[in-house]
Structure formats: C-alpha cells, structure tokens
PDB file of all heavy atoms in Angstrom:
ATOM      1  N   ASP A   1       7.535   4.101 -16.498  1.00  0.00           N
ATOM      2  CA  ASP A   1       6.394   4.747 -17.160  1.00  0.00           C
ATOM      3  C   ASP A   1       6.708   5.035 -18.622  1.00  0.00           C
ATOM      4  O   ASP A   1       7.878   5.077 -19.035  1.00  0.00           O
ATOM      5  CB  ASP A   1       6.057   6.051 -16.425  1.00  0.00           C
ATOM      6  CG  ASP A   1       4.716   6.619 -16.855  1.00  0.00           C
ATOM      7  OD1 ASP A   1       3.692   6.175 -16.281  1.00  0.00           O
ATOM      8  OD2 ASP A   1       4.694   7.472 -17.749  1.00  0.00           O
ATOM      9  N   ARG A   2       5.637   5.230 -19.414  1.00  0.00           N
ATOM     10  CA  ARG A   2       5.820   5.566 -20.829  1.00  0.00           C
ATOM     11  C   ARG A   2       6.424   6.949 -21.010  1.00  0.00           C
ATOM     12  O   ARG A   2       7.029   7.239 -22.046  1.00  0.00           O
ATOM     13  CB  ARG A   2       4.477   5.519 -21.562  1.00  0.00           C
ATOM     14  CG  ARG A   2       3.827   4.145 -21.581  1.00  0.00           C
ATOM     15  CD  ARG A   2       2.641   4.137 -22.542  1.00  0.00           C
ATOM     16  NE  ARG A   2       1.899   2.892 -22.470  1.00  0.00           N
ATOM     17  CZ  ARG A   2       0.797   2.719 -21.753  1.00  0.00           C
ATOM     18  NH1 ARG A   2       0.313   3.731 -21.051  1.00  0.00           N
ATOM     19  NH2 ARG A   2       0.176   1.571 -21.752  1.00  0.00           N
ATOM     20  N   ALA A   3       6.243   7.803 -20.031  1.00  0.00           N
ATOM     21  CA  ALA A   3       6.831   9.136 -20.107  1.00  0.00           C
ATOM     22  C   ALA A   3       8.355   9.025 -20.017  1.00  0.00           C
ATOM     23  O   ALA A   3       8.901   8.011 -19.571  1.00  0.00           O
ATOM     24  CB  ALA A   3       6.310  10.013 -18.975  1.00  0.00           C
ATOM     25  N   GLN A   4       9.032  10.069 -20.444  1.00  0.00           N
ATOM     26  CA  GLN A   4      10.486  10.112 -20.332  1.00  0.00           C
ATOM     27  C   GLN A   4      10.844  10.547 -18.917  1.00  0.00           C
ATOM     28  O   GLN A   4      10.472  11.642 -18.476  1.00  0.00           O
ATOM     29  CB  GLN A   4      11.050  11.115 -21.347  1.00  0.00           C
ATOM     30  CG  GLN A   4      12.546  11.271 -21.318  1.00  0.00           C
ATOM     31  CD  GLN A   4      13.275  10.222 -22.133  1.00  0.00           C
ATOM     32  OE1 GLN A   4      12.721   9.154 -22.380  1.00  0.00           O
ATOM     33  NE2 GLN A   4      14.486  10.513 -22.552  1.00  0.00           N
ATOM     34  N   THR A   5      11.561   9.702 -18.189  1.00  0.00           N
ATOM     35  CA  THR A   5      11.980  10.029 -16.826  1.00  0.00           C
ATOM     36  C   THR A   5      13.492  10.154 -16.792  1.00  0.00           C
ATOM     37  O   THR A   5      14.210   9.243 -17.218  1.00  0.00           O
ATOM     38  CB  THR A   5      11.533   8.941 -15.828  1.00  0.00           C
ATOM     39  OG1 THR A   5      10.112   8.791 -15.891  1.00  0.00           O
ATOM     40  CG2 THR A   5      11.934   9.313 -14.409  1.00  0.00           C
ATOM     41  N   LEU A   6      13.974  11.293 -16.286  1.00  0.00           N
ATOM     42  CA  LEU A   6      15.404  11.538 -16.177  1.00  0.00           C
ATOM     43  C   LEU A   6      15.754  11.764 -14.709  1.00  0.00           C
ATOM     44  O   LEU A   6      15.002  12.433 -13.972  1.00  0.00           O
ATOM     45  CB  LEU A   6      15.823  12.762 -16.997  1.00  0.00           C
ATOM     46  CG  LEU A   6      15.637  12.653 -18.523  1.00  0.00           C
ATOM     47  CD1 LEU A   6      14.275  13.199 -18.926  1.00  0.00           C
ATOM     48  CD2 LEU A   6      16.742  13.402 -19.252  1.00  0.00           C
ATOM     49  N   LEU A   7      16.866  11.204 -14.285  1.00  0.00           N
ATOM     50  CA  LEU A   7      17.296  11.285 -12.896  1.00  0.00           C
ATOM     51  C   LEU A   7      18.584  12.089 -12.782  1.00  0.00           C
ATOM     52  O   LEU A   7      19.513  11.904 -13.576  1.00  0.00           O
ATOM     53  CB  LEU A   7      17.529   9.892 -12.322  1.00  0.00           C
ATOM     54  CG  LEU A   7      16.428   8.851 -12.509  1.00  0.00           C
ATOM     55  CD1 LEU A   7      16.840   7.522 -11.865  1.00  0.00           C
ATOM     56  CD2 LEU A   7      15.104   9.342 -11.933  1.00  0.00           C
ATOM     57  N   LEU A   8      18.618  12.976 -11.780  1.00  0.00           N
ATOM     58  CA  LEU A   8      19.843  13.699 -11.445  1.00  0.00           C
ATOM     59  C   LEU A   8      20.202  13.351 -10.010  1.00  0.00           C
ATOM     60  O   LEU A   8      19.551  13.799  -9.061  1.00  0.00           O
ATOM     61  CB  LEU A   8      19.658  15.210 -11.591  1.00  0.00           C
ATOM     62  CG  LEU A   8      20.896  16.034 -11.234  1.00  0.00           C
ATOM     63  CD1 LEU A   8      22.027  15.764 -12.230  1.00  0.00           C
ATOM     64  CD2 LEU A   8      20.584  17.530 -11.177  1.00  0.00           C
ATOM     65  N   ASP A   9      21.215  12.548  -9.864  1.00  0.00           N
ATOM     66  CA  ASP A   9      21.672  12.103  -8.542  1.00  0.00           C
ATOM     67  C   ASP A   9      22.673  13.134  -8.021  1.00  0.00           C
ATOM     68  O   ASP A   9      23.741  13.333  -8.626  1.00  0.00           O
ATOM     69  CB  ASP A   9      22.341  10.733  -8.683  1.00  0.00           C
ATOM     70  CG  ASP A   9      22.276   9.929  -7.407  1.00  0.00           C
ATOM     71  OD1 ASP A   9      22.096  10.537  -6.348  1.00  0.00           O
ATOM     72  OD2 ASP A   9      22.416   8.691  -7.478  1.00  0.00           O
ATOM     73  N   VAL A  10      22.341  13.809  -6.936  1.00  0.00           N
ATOM     74  CA  VAL A  10      23.221  14.824  -6.349  1.00  0.00           C
ATOM     75  C   VAL A  10      23.982  14.163  -5.206  1.00  0.00           C
ATOM     76  O   VAL A  10      23.433  13.888  -4.142  1.00  0.00           O
ATOM     77  CB  VAL A  10      22.426  16.036  -5.837  1.00  0.00           C
ATOM     78  CG1 VAL A  10      23.386  17.105  -5.297  1.00  0.00           C
ATOM     79  CG2 VAL A  10      21.559  16.607  -6.959  1.00  0.00           C
ATOM     80  N   GLU A  11      25.246  13.886  -5.433  1.00  0.00           N
ATOM     81  CA  GLU A  11      26.080  13.168  -4.457  1.00  0.00           C
ATOM     82  C   GLU A  11      26.732  14.178  -3.513  1.00  0.00           C
ATOM     83  O   GLU A  11      27.597  14.957  -3.927  1.00  0.00           O
ATOM     84  CB  GLU A  11      27.138  12.352  -5.196  1.00  0.00           C
ATOM     85  CG  GLU A  11      27.923  11.419  -4.317  1.00  0.00           C
ATOM     86  CD  GLU A  11      28.901  10.593  -5.134  1.00  0.00           C
ATOM     87  OE1 GLU A  11      28.455   9.650  -5.824  1.00  0.00           O
ATOM     88  OE2 GLU A  11      30.107  10.893  -5.089  1.00  0.00           O
ATOM     89  N   CYS A  12      26.307  14.133  -2.254  1.00  0.00           N
ATOM     90  CA  CYS A  12      26.793  15.091  -1.257  1.00  0.00           C
ATOM     91  C   CYS A  12      27.783  14.433  -0.304  1.00  0.00           C
ATOM     92  O   CYS A  12      27.861  13.204  -0.193  1.00  0.00           O
ATOM     93  CB  CYS A  12      25.624  15.661  -0.448  1.00  0.00           C
ATOM     94  SG  CYS A  12      24.457  16.628  -1.427  1.00  0.00           S
ATOM     95  N   GLU A  13      28.541  15.274   0.393  1.00  0.00           N
ATOM     96  CA  GLU A  13      29.428  14.801   1.446  1.00  0.00           C
ATOM     97  C   GLU A  13      28.740  15.008   2.791  1.00  0.00           C
ATOM     98  O   GLU A  13      28.044  16.015   2.995  1.00  0.00           O
ATOM     99  CB  GLU A  13      30.759  15.542   1.383  1.00  0.00           C
ATOM    100  CG  GLU A  13      31.510  15.296   0.077  1.00  0.00           C
ATOM    101  CD  GLU A  13      32.809  16.080  -0.009  1.00  0.00           C
ATOM    102  OE1 GLU A  13      33.048  16.920   0.896  1.00  0.00           O
ATOM    103  OE2 GLU A  13      33.575  15.854  -0.960  1.00  0.00           O
ATOM    104  N   PHE A  14      28.963  14.081   3.710  1.00  0.00           N
ATOM    105  CA  PHE A  14      28.245  14.111   4.991  1.00  0.00           C
ATOM    106  C   PHE A  14      29.231  14.135   6.153  1.00  0.00           C
ATOM    107  O   PHE A  14      29.905  13.131   6.424  1.00  0.00           O
ATOM    108  CB  PHE A  14      27.318  12.894   5.114  1.00  0.00           C
ATOM    109  CG  PHE A  14      26.302  12.790   4.011  1.00  0.00           C
ATOM    110  CD1 PHE A  14      26.545  12.012   2.892  1.00  0.00           C
ATOM    111  CD2 PHE A  14      25.117  13.502   4.090  1.00  0.00           C
ATOM    112  CE1 PHE A  14      25.611  11.926   1.872  1.00  0.00           C
ATOM    113  CE2 PHE A  14      24.173  13.419   3.069  1.00  0.00           C
ATOM    114  CZ  PHE A  14      24.423  12.634   1.956  1.00  0.00           C
ATOM    115  N   SER A  15      29.301  15.268   6.807  1.00  0.00           N
ATOM    116  CA  SER A  15      30.149  15.377   7.996  1.00  0.00           C
ATOM    117  C   SER A  15      29.437  14.726   9.176  1.00  0.00           C
ATOM    118  O   SER A  15      28.219  14.501   9.149  1.00  0.00           O
ATOM    119  CB  SER A  15      30.437  16.842   8.319  1.00  0.00           C
ATOM    120  OG  SER A  15      29.229  17.509   8.699  1.00  0.00           O
ATOM    121  N   ASP A  16      30.188  14.436  10.230  1.00  0.00           N
ATOM    122  CA  ASP A  16      29.568  13.880  11.437  1.00  0.00           C
ATOM    123  C   ASP A  16      28.537  14.840  12.008  1.00  0.00           C
ATOM    124  O   ASP A  16      27.474  14.425  12.478  1.00  0.00           O
ATOM    125  CB  ASP A  16      30.639  13.573  12.490  1.00  0.00           C
ATOM    126  CG  ASP A  16      31.435  12.321  12.157  1.00  0.00           C
ATOM    127  OD1 ASP A  16      31.066  11.626  11.195  1.00  0.00           O
ATOM    128  OD2 ASP A  16      32.433  12.051  12.858  1.00  0.00           O
ATOM    129  N   ASP A  17      28.842  16.143  11.963  1.00  0.00           N
ATOM    130  CA  ASP A  17      27.896  17.133  12.503  1.00  0.00           C
ATOM    131  C   ASP A  17      26.589  17.107  11.724  1.00  0.00           C
ATOM    132  O   ASP A  17      25.501  17.218  12.310  1.00  0.00           O
ATOM    133  CB  ASP A  17      28.507  18.543  12.442  1.00  0.00           C
ATOM    134  CG  ASP A  17      29.594  18.739  13.487  1.00  0.00           C
ATOM    135  OD1 ASP A  17      29.630  17.954  14.455  1.00  0.00           O
ATOM    136  OD2 ASP A  17      30.401  19.674  13.336  1.00  0.00           O
ATOM    137  N   TYR A  18      26.693  16.965  10.393  1.00  0.00           N
ATOM    138  CA  TYR A  18      25.459  16.898   9.607  1.00  0.00           C
ATOM    139  C   TYR A  18      24.660  15.647   9.952  1.00  0.00           C
ATOM    140  O   TYR A  18      23.432  15.708  10.110  1.00  0.00           O
ATOM    141  CB  TYR A  18      25.768  16.901   8.110  1.00  0.00           C
ATOM    142  CG  TYR A  18      24.514  16.711   7.284  1.00  0.00           C
ATOM    143  CD1 TYR A  18      23.692  17.782   6.986  1.00  0.00           C
ATOM    144  CD2 TYR A  18      24.126  15.437   6.867  1.00  0.00           C
ATOM    145  CE1 TYR A  18      22.509  17.608   6.270  1.00  0.00           C
ATOM    146  CE2 TYR A  18      22.950  15.252   6.154  1.00  0.00           C
ATOM    147  CZ  TYR A  18      22.148  16.342   5.857  1.00  0.00           C
ATOM    148  OH  TYR A  18      20.978  16.162   5.169  1.00  0.00           O
ATOM    149  N   LEU A  19      25.346  14.506  10.080  1.00  0.00           N
ATOM    150  CA  LEU A  19      24.644  13.261  10.392  1.00  0.00           C
ATOM    151  C   LEU A  19      23.983  13.317  11.761  1.00  0.00           C
ATOM    152  O   LEU A  19      22.889  12.789  11.949  1.00  0.00           O
ATOM    153  CB  LEU A  19      25.614  12.081  10.320  1.00  0.00           C
ATOM    154  CG  LEU A  19      26.164  11.749   8.926  1.00  0.00           C
ATOM    155  CD1 LEU A  19      27.098  10.562   9.000  1.00  0.00           C
ATOM    156  CD2 LEU A  19      25.035  11.482   7.938  1.00  0.00           C
ATOM    157  N   ILE A  20      24.633  13.972  12.718  1.00  0.00           N
ATOM    158  CA  ILE A  20      24.023  14.140  14.038  1.00  0.00           C
ATOM    159  C   ILE A  20      22.763  14.997  13.915  1.00  0.00           C
ATOM    160  O   ILE A  20      21.714  14.689  14.495  1.00  0.00           O
ATOM    161  CB  ILE A  20      25.023  14.774  15.014  1.00  0.00           C
ATOM    162  CG1 ILE A  20      26.135  13.775  15.353  1.00  0.00           C
ATOM    163  CG2 ILE A  20      24.323  15.221  16.301  1.00  0.00           C
ATOM    164  CD1 ILE A  20      27.276  14.370  16.139  1.00  0.00           C
ATOM    165  N   GLY A  21      22.846  16.072  13.150  1.00  0.00           N
ATOM    166  CA  GLY A  21      21.668  16.910  12.933  1.00  0.00           C
ATOM    167  C   GLY A  21      20.561  16.145  12.235  1.00  0.00           C
ATOM    168  O   GLY A  21      19.383  16.278  12.580  1.00  0.00           O
ATOM    169  N   HIS A  22      20.933  15.307  11.260  1.00  0.00           N
ATOM    170  CA  HIS A  22      19.944  14.481  10.564  1.00  0.00           C
ATOM    171  C   HIS A  22      19.275  13.511  11.529  1.00  0.00           C
ATOM    172  O   HIS A  22      18.045  13.342  11.511  1.00  0.00           O
ATOM    173  CB  HIS A  22      20.640  13.709   9.444  1.00  0.00           C
ATOM    174  CG  HIS A  22      19.783  12.675   8.778  1.00  0.00           C
ATOM    175  ND1 HIS A  22      18.747  13.005   7.929  1.00  0.00           N
ATOM    176  CD2 HIS A  22      19.779  11.315   8.867  1.00  0.00           C
ATOM    177  CE1 HIS A  22      18.157  11.895   7.509  1.00  0.00           C
ATOM    178  NE2 HIS A  22      18.766  10.859   8.065  1.00  0.00           N
ATOM    179  N   ALA A  23      20.076  12.880  12.403  1.00  0.00           N
ATOM    180  CA  ALA A  23      19.521  11.949  13.382  1.00  0.00           C
ATOM    181  C   ALA A  23      18.526  12.635  14.302  1.00  0.00           C
ATOM    182  O   ALA A  23      17.483  12.083  14.652  1.00  0.00           O
ATOM    183  CB  ALA A  23      20.653  11.315  14.208  1.00  0.00           C
ATOM    184  N   LYS A  24      18.802  13.866  14.681  1.00  0.00           N
ATOM    185  CA  LYS A  24      17.889  14.615  15.546  1.00  0.00           C
ATOM    186  C   LYS A  24      16.617  15.022  14.792  1.00  0.00           C
ATOM    187  O   LYS A  24      15.522  14.980  15.352  1.00  0.00           O
ATOM    188  CB  LYS A  24      18.590  15.856  16.103  1.00  0.00           C
ATOM    189  CG  LYS A  24      19.705  15.527  17.092  1.00  0.00           C
ATOM    190  CD  LYS A  24      20.425  16.777  17.575  1.00  0.00           C
ATOM    191  CE  LYS A  24      21.521  16.417  18.580  1.00  0.00           C
ATOM    192  NZ  LYS A  24      22.269  17.608  19.035  1.00  0.00           N
ATOM    193  N   ARG A  25      16.769  15.376  13.527  1.00  0.00           N
ATOM    194  CA  ARG A  25      15.590  15.795  12.753  1.00  0.00           C
ATOM    195  C   ARG A  25      14.613  14.654  12.546  1.00  0.00           C
ATOM    196  O   ARG A  25      13.401  14.871  12.540  1.00  0.00           O
ATOM    197  CB  ARG A  25      16.038  16.355  11.393  1.00  0.00           C
ATOM    198  CG  ARG A  25      16.641  17.742  11.454  1.00  0.00           C
ATOM    199  CD  ARG A  25      16.823  18.328  10.057  1.00  0.00           C
ATOM    200  NE  ARG A  25      17.833  17.617   9.299  1.00  0.00           N
ATOM    201  CZ  ARG A  25      19.135  17.876   9.338  1.00  0.00           C
ATOM    202  NH1 ARG A  25      19.591  18.842  10.131  1.00  0.00           N
ATOM    203  NH2 ARG A  25      19.992  17.199   8.591  1.00  0.00           N
ATOM    204  N   VAL A  26      15.120  13.438  12.373  1.00  0.00           N
ATOM    205  CA  VAL A  26      14.233  12.299  12.111  1.00  0.00           C
ATOM    206  C   VAL A  26      13.903  11.516  13.365  1.00  0.00           C
ATOM    207  O   VAL A  26      13.234  10.481  13.298  1.00  0.00           O
ATOM    208  CB  VAL A  26      14.845  11.363  11.042  1.00  0.00           C
ATOM    209  CG1 VAL A  26      15.063  12.099   9.741  1.00  0.00           C
ATOM    210  CG2 VAL A  26      16.145  10.746  11.542  1.00  0.00           C
ATOM    211  N   GLY A  27      14.352  11.981  14.542  1.00  0.00           N
ATOM    212  CA  GLY A  27      13.953  11.361  15.797  1.00  0.00           C
ATOM    213  C   GLY A  27      14.815  10.206  16.256  1.00  0.00           C
ATOM    214  O   GLY A  27      14.474   9.519  17.211  1.00  0.00           O
ATOM    215  N   LEU A  28      15.977   9.984  15.601  1.00  0.00           N
ATOM    216  CA  LEU A  28      16.867   8.917  16.043  1.00  0.00           C
ATOM    217  C   LEU A  28      17.719   9.351  17.228  1.00  0.00           C
ATOM    218  O   LEU A  28      18.324   8.522  17.902  1.00  0.00           O
ATOM    219  CB  LEU A  28      17.786   8.475  14.893  1.00  0.00           C
ATOM    220  CG  LEU A  28      17.085   7.904  13.665  1.00  0.00           C
ATOM    221  CD1 LEU A  28      18.101   7.575  12.594  1.00  0.00           C
ATOM    222  CD2 LEU A  28      16.283   6.667  14.042  1.00  0.00           C
ATOM    223  N   ALA A  29      17.792  10.636  17.472  1.00  0.00           N
ATOM    224  CA  ALA A  29      18.550  11.166  18.601  1.00  0.00           C
ATOM    225  C   ALA A  29      17.858  12.430  19.078  1.00  0.00           C
ATOM    226  O   ALA A  29      17.044  13.029  18.368  1.00  0.00           O
ATOM    227  CB  ALA A  29      20.000  11.464  18.198  1.00  0.00           C
ATOM    228  N   GLY A  30      18.180  12.832  20.293  1.00  0.00           N
ATOM    229  CA  GLY A  30      17.620  14.053  20.858  1.00  0.00           C
ATOM    230  C   GLY A  30      18.735  14.990  21.281  1.00  0.00           C
ATOM    231  O   GLY A  30      19.928  14.690  21.167  1.00  0.00           O
ATOM    232  N   GLU A  31      18.356  16.153  21.784  1.00  0.00           N
ATOM    233  CA  GLU A  31      19.350  17.129  22.201  1.00  0.00           C
ATOM    234  C   GLU A  31      20.218  16.601  23.338  1.00  0.00           C
ATOM    235  O   GLU A  31      21.346  17.040  23.526  1.00  0.00           O
ATOM    236  CB  GLU A  31      18.651  18.429  22.635  1.00  0.00           C
ATOM    237  CG  GLU A  31      17.964  19.177  21.503  1.00  0.00           C
ATOM    238  CD  GLU A  31      18.936  19.594  20.411  1.00  0.00           C
ATOM    239  OE1 GLU A  31      20.118  19.876  20.728  1.00  0.00           O
ATOM    240  OE2 GLU A  31      18.533  19.629  19.236  1.00  0.00           O
ATOM    241  N   GLN A  32      19.680  15.657  24.123  1.00  0.00           N
ATOM    242  CA  GLN A  32      20.416  15.144  25.274  1.00  0.00           C
ATOM    243  C   GLN A  32      21.035  13.771  25.029  1.00  0.00           C
ATOM    244  O   GLN A  32      21.551  13.161  25.960  1.00  0.00           O
ATOM    245  CB  GLN A  32      19.474  15.068  26.490  1.00  0.00           C
ATOM    246  CG  GLN A  32      18.794  16.387  26.845  1.00  0.00           C
ATOM    247  CD  GLN A  32      19.788  17.464  27.241  1.00  0.00           C
ATOM    248  OE1 GLN A  32      20.858  17.160  27.755  1.00  0.00           O
ATOM    249  NE2 GLN A  32      19.440  18.716  27.009  1.00  0.00           N
ATOM    250  N   THR A  33      20.985  13.272  23.805  1.00  0.00           N
ATOM    251  CA  THR A  33      21.587  11.976  23.522  1.00  0.00           C
ATOM    252  C   THR A  33      23.090  12.019  23.798  1.00  0.00           C
ATOM    253  O   THR A  33      23.773  12.949  23.390  1.00  0.00           O
ATOM    254  CB  THR A  33      21.344  11.578  22.059  1.00  0.00           C
ATOM    255  OG1 THR A  33      19.937  11.502  21.827  1.00  0.00           O
ATOM    256  CG2 THR A  33      21.958  10.223  21.745  1.00  0.00           C
TER     257      THR A  33
END
C-alpha cells in the first residue's frame, strides 16, 4: 500500500505443552486425544 507499513515480528518459544494447548484450541486435538 501507499501508506507506510511497519512490521514487528515477535518471535516466541513454543513448548510441547503450549503446542498441545494450541492444537486443542483450534480443534486439531481434544481433551481425550
């Protein structure tokens, strides 16, 4: 775009527990998986 666009990439670390929680939040896994 003609407007000025600036990006801030926030690079995070992902533990297995976080990824499991993410999978459950988006429906890739359930509580009983």
